[in-house]
Amino acid sequence: MGKSVKVKGEAEKVPVPQTREAVVEAISLIGHLQRERTVIEAEMNERLAAIKEEYEKKAGPMAEEIRELHRGVQVWCEANRAALTEGGRIKTCALASGEISWRLRPPRVAVKAVDFVIDLLESKGLARLVRLKKEINKEAILADPDAIAGVKGLSITQGEDFVIKPFESELESVM
């Protein structure tokens, strides 16, 4: 005889409606609480916007001054680059109040009119510069699920969500 397995689980610690009327009332309360939460969120966003605007006004003049100082320092450093970089031997120079440095950004490719450029590369025998991307066509699999029967690593799954959508009405705007 096999050992019996006991499965223990904690009971739900939430109020469970016992009647249809109680469920209707609970959904109504969910809708009410969601609307209250939306009002609180809107109030928070208004206050945050006001605070952000206040501090942006305070910081605005400093940002412009920083840009001007940065540009001035850059002009001087460019004029004295050879001395600061020891003839290009170093890229960073430590000064009493901070460092200045020159850094090359990584190269990047900018493409405009992608289809035209692809056609042009292929016509010039440069197809090796065009990437062909292979990927699983999930839409085709969903349209023909029998085709993947027995294919390891592929399966079709479907979950279920429980949704509560309280009824609500919007006020008409008066213009």
C-alpha atoms as a PDB file:
ATOM      1  CA  MET A   1       0.000   0.000   0.000  1.00  0.00           C
ATOM      2  CA  GLY A   2       1.308   3.433  -0.951  1.00  0.00           C
ATOM      3  CA  LYS A   3       1.785   6.223   1.466  1.00  0.00           C
ATOM      4  CA  SER A   4      -1.045   8.754   1.488  1.00  0.00           C
ATOM      5  CA  VAL A   5       0.008  12.279   0.739  1.00  0.00           C
ATOM      6  CA  LYS A   6      -1.509  15.106   2.684  1.00  0.00           C
ATOM      7  CA  VAL A   7      -1.760  18.415   0.927  1.00  0.00           C
ATOM      8  CA  LYS A   8      -1.959  21.364   3.216  1.00  0.00           C
ATOM      9  CA  GLY A   9      -2.671  24.826   2.064  1.00  0.00           C
ATOM     10  CA  GLU A  10      -3.486  28.000   3.842  1.00  0.00           C
ATOM     11  CA  ALA A  11      -7.038  29.166   3.589  1.00  0.00           C
ATOM     12  CA  GLU A  12      -7.677  32.416   1.751  1.00  0.00           C
ATOM     13  CA  LYS A  13      -7.579  35.330   4.156  1.00  0.00           C
ATOM     14  CA  VAL A  14      -9.850  37.558   2.111  1.00  0.00           C
ATOM     15  CA  PRO A  15     -13.542  38.256   2.442  1.00  0.00           C
ATOM     16  CA  VAL A  16     -15.370  35.965   0.009  1.00  0.00           C
ATOM     17  CA  PRO A  17     -18.861  37.053  -1.031  1.00  0.00           C
ATOM     18  CA  GLN A  18     -21.456  34.407  -0.269  1.00  0.00           C
ATOM     19  CA  THR A  19     -24.244  35.539  -2.596  1.00  0.00           C
ATOM     20  CA  ARG A  20     -24.711  37.034  -6.047  1.00  0.00           C
ATOM     21  CA  GLU A  21     -25.851  40.287  -4.429  1.00  0.00           C
ATOM     22  CA  ALA A  22     -22.670  40.381  -2.333  1.00  0.00           C
ATOM     23  CA  VAL A  23     -20.573  39.940  -5.519  1.00  0.00           C
ATOM     24  CA  VAL A  24     -22.479  42.793  -7.206  1.00  0.00           C
ATOM     25  CA  GLU A  25     -21.820  44.973  -4.159  1.00  0.00           C
ATOM     26  CA  ALA A  26     -18.109  44.012  -4.083  1.00  0.00           C
ATOM     27  CA  ILE A  27     -17.677  44.889  -7.780  1.00  0.00           C
ATOM     28  CA  SER A  28     -19.413  48.206  -7.161  1.00  0.00           C
ATOM     29  CA  LEU A  29     -17.009  48.904  -4.299  1.00  0.00           C
ATOM     30  CA  ILE A  30     -14.021  47.970  -6.515  1.00  0.00           C
ATOM     31  CA  GLY A  31     -15.216  50.531  -9.080  1.00  0.00           C
ATOM     32  CA  HIS A  32     -15.650  53.188  -6.388  1.00  0.00           C
ATOM     33  CA  LEU A  33     -12.170  52.532  -4.963  1.00  0.00           C
ATOM     34  CA  GLN A  34     -10.579  52.586  -8.441  1.00  0.00           C
ATOM     35  CA  ARG A  35     -12.162  55.984  -9.155  1.00  0.00           C
ATOM     36  CA  GLU A  36     -10.972  57.350  -5.799  1.00  0.00           C
ATOM     37  CA  ARG A  37      -7.482  56.067  -6.561  1.00  0.00           C
ATOM     38  CA  THR A  38      -7.549  57.777  -9.967  1.00  0.00           C
ATOM     39  CA  VAL A  39      -8.489  61.078  -8.316  1.00  0.00           C
ATOM     40  CA  ILE A  40      -5.618  60.719  -5.837  1.00  0.00           C
ATOM     41  CA  GLU A  41      -3.194  59.879  -8.651  1.00  0.00           C
ATOM     42  CA  ALA A  42      -4.319  62.927 -10.659  1.00  0.00           C
ATOM     43  CA  GLU A  43      -3.859  65.159  -7.610  1.00  0.00           C
ATOM     44  CA  MET A  44      -0.368  63.726  -7.057  1.00  0.00           C
ATOM     45  CA  ASN A  45       0.579  64.324 -10.704  1.00  0.00           C
ATOM     46  CA  GLU A  46      -0.643  67.929 -10.543  1.00  0.00           C
ATOM     47  CA  ARG A  47       1.440  68.578  -7.433  1.00  0.00           C
ATOM     48  CA  LEU A  48       4.490  66.864  -8.957  1.00  0.00           C
ATOM     49  CA  ALA A  49       4.134  68.926 -12.142  1.00  0.00           C
ATOM     50  CA  ALA A  50       3.973  72.143 -10.116  1.00  0.00           C
ATOM     51  CA  ILE A  51       7.019  71.173  -8.044  1.00  0.00           C
ATOM     52  CA  LYS A  52       8.980  70.163 -11.154  1.00  0.00           C
ATOM     53  CA  GLU A  53       8.125  73.431 -12.902  1.00  0.00           C
ATOM     54  CA  GLU A  54       9.178  75.446  -9.837  1.00  0.00           C
ATOM     55  CA  TYR A  55      12.587  73.772  -9.646  1.00  0.00           C
ATOM     56  CA  GLU A  56      13.130  73.874 -13.407  1.00  0.00           C
ATOM     57  CA  LYS A  57      12.619  77.652 -13.268  1.00  0.00           C
ATOM     58  CA  LYS A  58      15.214  77.886 -10.478  1.00  0.00           C
ATOM     59  CA  ALA A  59      17.711  75.684 -12.342  1.00  0.00           C
ATOM     60  CA  GLY A  60      17.144  77.156 -15.811  1.00  0.00           C
ATOM     61  CA  PRO A  61      19.591  80.067 -15.586  1.00  0.00           C
ATOM     62  CA  MET A  62      22.264  77.766 -14.191  1.00  0.00           C
ATOM     63  CA  ALA A  63      21.899  75.367 -17.120  1.00  0.00           C
ATOM     64  CA  GLU A  64      22.513  78.186 -19.592  1.00  0.00           C
ATOM     65  CA  GLU A  65      25.531  79.402 -17.605  1.00  0.00           C
ATOM     66  CA  ILE A  66      26.901  75.832 -17.490  1.00  0.00           C
ATOM     67  CA  ARG A  67      26.554  75.535 -21.288  1.00  0.00           C
ATOM     68  CA  GLU A  68      28.409  78.829 -21.798  1.00  0.00           C
ATOM     69  CA  LEU A  69      31.199  77.891 -19.379  1.00  0.00           C
ATOM     70  CA  HIS A  70      31.504  74.427 -20.957  1.00  0.00           C
ATOM     71  CA  ARG A  71      31.819  75.914 -24.431  1.00  0.00           C
ATOM     72  CA  GLY A  72      34.426  78.434 -23.247  1.00  0.00           C
ATOM     73  CA  VAL A  73      36.503  75.744 -21.549  1.00  0.00           C
ATOM     74  CA  GLN A  74      36.259  73.573 -24.673  1.00  0.00           C
ATOM     75  CA  VAL A  75      37.458  76.408 -26.932  1.00  0.00           C
ATOM     76  CA  TRP A  76      40.465  77.057 -24.683  1.00  0.00           C
ATOM     77  CA  CYS A  77      41.271  73.356 -24.379  1.00  0.00           C
ATOM     78  CA  GLU A  78      41.058  72.835 -28.157  1.00  0.00           C
ATOM     79  CA  ALA A  79      43.462  75.750 -28.649  1.00  0.00           C
ATOM     80  CA  ASN A  80      45.863  74.207 -26.113  1.00  0.00           C
ATOM     81  CA  ARG A  81      45.202  70.537 -26.910  1.00  0.00           C
ATOM     82  CA  ALA A  82      48.770  69.672 -27.862  1.00  0.00           C
ATOM     83  CA  ALA A  83      50.140  70.883 -24.527  1.00  0.00           C
ATOM     84  CA  LEU A  84      47.292  69.313 -22.504  1.00  0.00           C
ATOM     85  CA  THR A  85      47.608  65.916 -24.198  1.00  0.00           C
ATOM     86  CA  GLU A  86      51.405  65.927 -24.379  1.00  0.00           C
ATOM     87  CA  GLY A  87      51.286  65.997 -28.165  1.00  0.00           C
ATOM     88  CA  GLY A  88      48.392  63.540 -28.378  1.00  0.00           C
ATOM     89  CA  ARG A  89      50.088  60.940 -26.184  1.00  0.00           C
ATOM     90  CA  ILE A  90      47.346  61.095 -23.527  1.00  0.00           C
ATOM     91  CA  LYS A  91      43.631  61.800 -23.785  1.00  0.00           C
ATOM     92  CA  THR A  92      42.947  63.057 -20.247  1.00  0.00           C
ATOM     93  CA  CYS A  93      44.410  66.030 -18.430  1.00  0.00           C
ATOM     94  CA  ALA A  94      43.971  66.478 -14.675  1.00  0.00           C
ATOM     95  CA  LEU A  95      43.592  70.094 -13.600  1.00  0.00           C
ATOM     96  CA  ALA A  96      43.286  71.504 -10.076  1.00  0.00           C
ATOM     97  CA  SER A  97      39.465  71.584 -10.203  1.00  0.00           C
ATOM     98  CA  GLY A  98      38.711  68.586 -12.418  1.00  0.00           C
ATOM     99  CA  GLU A  99      39.635  66.664 -15.545  1.00  0.00           C
ATOM    100  CA  ILE A 100      39.167  67.313 -19.222  1.00  0.00           C
ATOM    101  CA  SER A 101      39.362  64.577 -21.816  1.00  0.00           C
ATOM    102  CA  TRP A 102      38.746  63.769 -25.441  1.00  0.00           C
ATOM    103  CA  ARG A 103      37.022  60.503 -26.229  1.00  0.00           C
ATOM    104  CA  LEU A 104      36.181  59.082 -29.637  1.00  0.00           C
ATOM    105  CA  ARG A 105      32.676  57.709 -29.814  1.00  0.00           C
ATOM    106  CA  PRO A 106      32.291  54.243 -31.329  1.00  0.00           C
ATOM    107  CA  PRO A 107      31.585  54.301 -35.061  1.00  0.00           C
ATOM    108  CA  ARG A 108      27.954  53.906 -36.042  1.00  0.00           C
ATOM    109  CA  VAL A 109      26.120  53.354 -39.271  1.00  0.00           C
ATOM    110  CA  ALA A 110      23.286  55.672 -40.223  1.00  0.00           C
ATOM    111  CA  VAL A 111      20.905  54.418 -42.903  1.00  0.00           C
ATOM    112  CA  LYS A 112      18.230  56.412 -44.659  1.00  0.00           C
ATOM    113  CA  ALA A 113      15.840  54.766 -47.125  1.00  0.00           C
ATOM    114  CA  VAL A 114      16.633  51.243 -45.915  1.00  0.00           C
ATOM    115  CA  ASP A 115      14.957  49.392 -48.801  1.00  0.00           C
ATOM    116  CA  PHE A 116      16.786  51.496 -51.393  1.00  0.00           C
ATOM    117  CA  VAL A 117      20.149  50.912 -49.705  1.00  0.00           C
ATOM    118  CA  ILE A 118      19.526  47.148 -49.456  1.00  0.00           C
ATOM    119  CA  ASP A 119      18.687  46.977 -53.172  1.00  0.00           C
ATOM    120  CA  LEU A 120      21.753  49.065 -54.010  1.00  0.00           C
ATOM    121  CA  LEU A 121      24.088  46.859 -51.936  1.00  0.00           C
ATOM    122  CA  GLU A 122      22.704  43.695 -53.509  1.00  0.00           C
ATOM    123  CA  SER A 123      23.001  45.133 -57.041  1.00  0.00           C
ATOM    124  CA  LYS A 124      26.658  46.021 -56.378  1.00  0.00           C
ATOM    125  CA  GLY A 125      27.453  42.466 -55.258  1.00  0.00           C
ATOM    126  CA  LEU A 126      27.610  43.446 -51.594  1.00  0.00           C
ATOM    127  CA  ALA A 127      24.841  41.129 -50.352  1.00  0.00           C
ATOM    128  CA  ARG A 128      27.213  40.023 -47.580  1.00  0.00           C
ATOM    129  CA  LEU A 129      26.474  43.392 -45.961  1.00  0.00           C
ATOM    130  CA  VAL A 130      22.750  42.594 -45.797  1.00  0.00           C
ATOM    131  CA  ARG A 131      21.544  40.504 -42.876  1.00  0.00           C
ATOM    132  CA  LEU A 132      18.800  37.942 -43.381  1.00  0.00           C
ATOM    133  CA  LYS A 133      17.059  37.245 -40.111  1.00  0.00           C
ATOM    134  CA  LYS A 134      15.536  33.807 -39.492  1.00  0.00           C
ATOM    135  CA  GLU A 135      12.899  33.567 -36.796  1.00  0.00           C
ATOM    136  CA  ILE A 136       9.961  31.413 -35.804  1.00  0.00           C
ATOM    137  CA  ASN A 137       6.706  32.545 -37.442  1.00  0.00           C
ATOM    138  CA  LYS A 138       4.438  32.336 -34.404  1.00  0.00           C
ATOM    139  CA  GLU A 139       1.410  33.624 -36.299  1.00  0.00           C
ATOM    140  CA  ALA A 140       1.719  30.764 -38.823  1.00  0.00           C
ATOM    141  CA  ILE A 141       2.013  28.224 -35.996  1.00  0.00           C
ATOM    142  CA  LEU A 142      -1.140  29.557 -34.335  1.00  0.00           C
ATOM    143  CA  ALA A 143      -2.934  29.412 -37.689  1.00  0.00           C
ATOM    144  CA  ASP A 144      -1.897  25.765 -38.219  1.00  0.00           C
ATOM    145  CA  PRO A 145      -1.310  24.172 -34.781  1.00  0.00           C
ATOM    146  CA  ASP A 146      -1.469  20.607 -36.175  1.00  0.00           C
ATOM    147  CA  ALA A 147       1.732  21.248 -38.148  1.00  0.00           C
ATOM    148  CA  ILE A 148       3.856  21.294 -34.978  1.00  0.00           C
ATOM    149  CA  ALA A 149       2.552  18.033 -33.523  1.00  0.00           C
ATOM    150  CA  GLY A 150       5.582  16.087 -32.308  1.00  0.00           C
ATOM    151  CA  VAL A 151       8.051  18.975 -32.732  1.00  0.00           C
ATOM    152  CA  LYS A 152      10.161  19.160 -29.590  1.00  0.00           C
ATOM    153  CA  GLY A 153      10.648  22.610 -28.138  1.00  0.00           C
ATOM    154  CA  LEU A 154       7.394  23.985 -29.543  1.00  0.00           C
ATOM    155  CA  SER A 155       4.067  24.093 -27.793  1.00  0.00           C
ATOM    156  CA  ILE A 156       1.016  26.272 -27.804  1.00  0.00           C
ATOM    157  CA  THR A 157      -0.152  27.462 -24.421  1.00  0.00           C
ATOM    158  CA  GLN A 158      -3.078  29.536 -23.393  1.00  0.00           C
ATOM    159  CA  GLY A 159      -3.759  31.096 -20.022  1.00  0.00           C
ATOM    160  CA  GLU A 160      -6.842  32.600 -18.536  1.00  0.00           C
ATOM    161  CA  ASP A 161      -7.205  35.883 -16.709  1.00  0.00           C
ATOM    162  CA  PHE A 162     -10.007  36.745 -14.356  1.00  0.00           C
ATOM    163  CA  VAL A 163     -11.158  40.293 -15.038  1.00  0.00           C
ATOM    164  CA  ILE A 164     -13.444  42.520 -13.038  1.00  0.00           C
ATOM    165  CA  LYS A 165     -14.661  45.557 -14.924  1.00  0.00           C
ATOM    166  CA  PRO A 166     -16.914  47.762 -12.824  1.00  0.00           C
ATOM    167  CA  PHE A 167     -19.455  49.789 -14.780  1.00  0.00           C
ATOM    168  CA  GLU A 168     -18.729  53.465 -14.973  1.00  0.00           C
ATOM    169  CA  SER A 169     -19.979  56.400 -16.893  1.00  0.00           C
ATOM    170  CA  GLU A 170     -18.100  59.419 -18.101  1.00  0.00           C
ATOM    171  CA  LEU A 171     -19.444  62.912 -17.759  1.00  0.00           C
ATOM    172  CA  GLU A 172     -20.148  64.676 -21.011  1.00  0.00           C
ATOM    173  CA  SER A 173     -18.000  67.726 -21.527  1.00  0.00           C
ATOM    174  CA  VAL A 174     -19.831  71.000 -21.834  1.00  0.00           C
ATOM    175  CA  MET A 175     -18.315  73.457 -24.256  1.00  0.00           C
END
